Amino acid sequence: MRSPTNIARHEIIGLEIVVVDANNKSLIGIQGEVVDETKQSFIIQTKNGEKRVLKKGTSFKLKVNNQALIIKGDILVARPEDRIKK
């Protein structure tokens, strides 16, 4: 079960996500649903189409079990299937 304490080991696809801080300041404020994930990035479905956002150097706000959580993307840099095994 997903919880704020173990979110880094769970599936992120399907969650609502907001970029709250990033090295590339133009990414701040992007929000939507995570529709795919690679080792280095999330693909987020926004109102204006899909956006690819790098994990490294970016902080994300996720909602898990009706609880807001801010997580640094650097923690999530790994292939999804490898990160889930950790």
C-alpha atoms as a PDB file:
ATOM      1  CA  MET A   1       0.000   0.000   0.000  1.00  0.00           C
ATOM      2  CA  ARG A   2       1.284   3.453  -0.902  1.00  0.00           C
ATOM      3  CA  SER A   3       2.028   5.782   1.977  1.00  0.00           C
ATOM      4  CA  PRO A   4       4.124   8.927   2.413  1.00  0.00           C
ATOM      5  CA  THR A   5       6.842   6.872   4.117  1.00  0.00           C
ATOM      6  CA  ASN A   6       7.320   4.367   1.284  1.00  0.00           C
ATOM      7  CA  ILE A   7       6.262   6.234  -1.871  1.00  0.00           C
ATOM      8  CA  ALA A   8       9.744   6.000  -3.418  1.00  0.00           C
ATOM      9  CA  ARG A   9       9.304   2.217  -3.627  1.00  0.00           C
ATOM     10  CA  HIS A  10       5.879   2.299  -5.253  1.00  0.00           C
ATOM     11  CA  GLU A  11       4.320   3.024  -8.607  1.00  0.00           C
ATOM     12  CA  ILE A  12       4.010   6.731  -9.404  1.00  0.00           C
ATOM     13  CA  ILE A  13       2.054   6.291 -12.657  1.00  0.00           C
ATOM     14  CA  GLY A  14      -1.545   7.363 -12.154  1.00  0.00           C
ATOM     15  CA  LEU A  15      -0.851   9.846  -9.369  1.00  0.00           C
ATOM     16  CA  GLU A  16      -1.590  13.554  -9.587  1.00  0.00           C
ATOM     17  CA  ILE A  17       1.658  15.521  -9.515  1.00  0.00           C
ATOM     18  CA  VAL A  18       2.751  19.169  -9.396  1.00  0.00           C
ATOM     19  CA  VAL A  19       6.256  20.513 -10.065  1.00  0.00           C
ATOM     20  CA  VAL A  20       7.022  22.776  -7.088  1.00  0.00           C
ATOM     21  CA  ASP A  21      10.727  23.482  -7.694  1.00  0.00           C
ATOM     22  CA  ALA A  22      13.153  22.791 -10.527  1.00  0.00           C
ATOM     23  CA  ASN A  23      16.552  23.760 -11.865  1.00  0.00           C
ATOM     24  CA  ASN A  24      14.645  24.774 -15.020  1.00  0.00           C
ATOM     25  CA  LYS A  25      12.290  27.386 -13.552  1.00  0.00           C
ATOM     26  CA  SER A  26       9.963  27.195 -16.572  1.00  0.00           C
ATOM     27  CA  LEU A  27       8.823  23.757 -15.336  1.00  0.00           C
ATOM     28  CA  ILE A  28       7.496  25.049 -12.011  1.00  0.00           C
ATOM     29  CA  GLY A  29       3.716  24.810 -11.891  1.00  0.00           C
ATOM     30  CA  ILE A  30       3.310  21.950 -14.374  1.00  0.00           C
ATOM     31  CA  GLN A  31       0.603  19.700 -13.022  1.00  0.00           C
ATOM     32  CA  GLY A  32      -1.378  16.715 -14.121  1.00  0.00           C
ATOM     33  CA  GLU A  33      -1.385  12.930 -14.006  1.00  0.00           C
ATOM     34  CA  VAL A  34       1.757  10.853 -14.420  1.00  0.00           C
ATOM     35  CA  VAL A  35       1.102   8.682 -17.488  1.00  0.00           C
ATOM     36  CA  ASP A  36       4.582   7.196 -17.945  1.00  0.00           C
ATOM     37  CA  GLU A  37       7.954   7.088 -16.260  1.00  0.00           C
ATOM     38  CA  THR A  38      11.499   6.466 -17.433  1.00  0.00           C
ATOM     39  CA  LYS A  39      14.737   6.270 -15.489  1.00  0.00           C
ATOM     40  CA  GLN A  40      15.310  10.011 -15.846  1.00  0.00           C
ATOM     41  CA  SER A  41      11.853  11.557 -16.290  1.00  0.00           C
ATOM     42  CA  PHE A  42       8.114  11.587 -15.733  1.00  0.00           C
ATOM     43  CA  ILE A  43       5.653  12.110 -18.560  1.00  0.00           C
ATOM     44  CA  ILE A  44       2.785  14.188 -17.218  1.00  0.00           C
ATOM     45  CA  GLN A  45      -0.585  14.551 -18.944  1.00  0.00           C
ATOM     46  CA  THR A  46      -1.536  18.218 -18.533  1.00  0.00           C
ATOM     47  CA  LYS A  47      -4.458  20.217 -19.880  1.00  0.00           C
ATOM     48  CA  ASN A  48      -2.186  21.260 -22.765  1.00  0.00           C
ATOM     49  CA  GLY A  49      -0.868  17.808 -23.641  1.00  0.00           C
ATOM     50  CA  GLU A  50       1.989  15.642 -22.420  1.00  0.00           C
ATOM     51  CA  LYS A  51       5.053  17.205 -20.807  1.00  0.00           C
ATOM     52  CA  ARG A  52       8.322  15.411 -20.059  1.00  0.00           C
ATOM     53  CA  VAL A  53       9.902  16.550 -16.786  1.00  0.00           C
ATOM     54  CA  LEU A  54      13.336  15.425 -15.632  1.00  0.00           C
ATOM     55  CA  LYS A  55      13.440  13.948 -12.136  1.00  0.00           C
ATOM     56  CA  LYS A  56      16.942  15.158 -11.258  1.00  0.00           C
ATOM     57  CA  GLY A  57      16.968  18.666  -9.827  1.00  0.00           C
ATOM     58  CA  THR A  58      13.171  18.807  -9.517  1.00  0.00           C
ATOM     59  CA  SER A  59      10.843  18.621  -6.507  1.00  0.00           C
ATOM     60  CA  PHE A  60       7.340  17.237  -6.889  1.00  0.00           C
ATOM     61  CA  LYS A  61       4.171  17.465  -4.835  1.00  0.00           C
ATOM     62  CA  LEU A  62       2.160  14.239  -4.831  1.00  0.00           C
ATOM     63  CA  LYS A  63      -1.102  13.370  -3.163  1.00  0.00           C
ATOM     64  CA  VAL A  64      -0.985   9.992  -1.425  1.00  0.00           C
ATOM     65  CA  ASN A  65      -3.941   8.773   0.628  1.00  0.00           C
ATOM     66  CA  ASN A  66      -5.352  12.327   0.755  1.00  0.00           C
ATOM     67  CA  GLN A  67      -2.062  13.567   2.158  1.00  0.00           C
ATOM     68  CA  ALA A  68       0.172  16.044   0.308  1.00  0.00           C
ATOM     69  CA  LEU A  69       3.810  15.016   0.048  1.00  0.00           C
ATOM     70  CA  ILE A  70       6.780  16.843  -1.445  1.00  0.00           C
ATOM     71  CA  ILE A  71       9.529  14.562  -2.727  1.00  0.00           C
ATOM     72  CA  LYS A  72      12.824  15.351  -4.407  1.00  0.00           C
ATOM     73  CA  GLY A  73      13.095  13.796  -7.854  1.00  0.00           C
ATOM     74  CA  ASP A  74      16.735  12.882  -7.173  1.00  0.00           C
ATOM     75  CA  ILE A  75      15.429  10.126  -4.864  1.00  0.00           C
ATOM     76  CA  LEU A  76      13.309   8.729  -7.708  1.00  0.00           C
ATOM     77  CA  VAL A  77      16.058   8.598 -10.379  1.00  0.00           C
ATOM     78  CA  ALA A  78      16.067   4.918 -11.339  1.00  0.00           C
ATOM     79  CA  ARG A  79      14.185   2.688 -13.686  1.00  0.00           C
ATOM     80  CA  PRO A  80      10.706   2.231 -12.183  1.00  0.00           C
ATOM     81  CA  GLU A  81      11.069  -1.553 -11.984  1.00  0.00           C
ATOM     82  CA  ASP A  82      14.423  -1.237 -10.179  1.00  0.00           C
ATOM     83  CA  ARG A  83      13.206   1.454  -7.788  1.00  0.00           C
ATOM     84  CA  ILE A  84      10.217  -0.671  -6.776  1.00  0.00           C
ATOM     85  CA  LYS A  85      12.546  -3.584  -5.867  1.00  0.00           C
ATOM     86  CA  LYS A  86      14.552  -1.466  -3.382  1.00  0.00           C
END
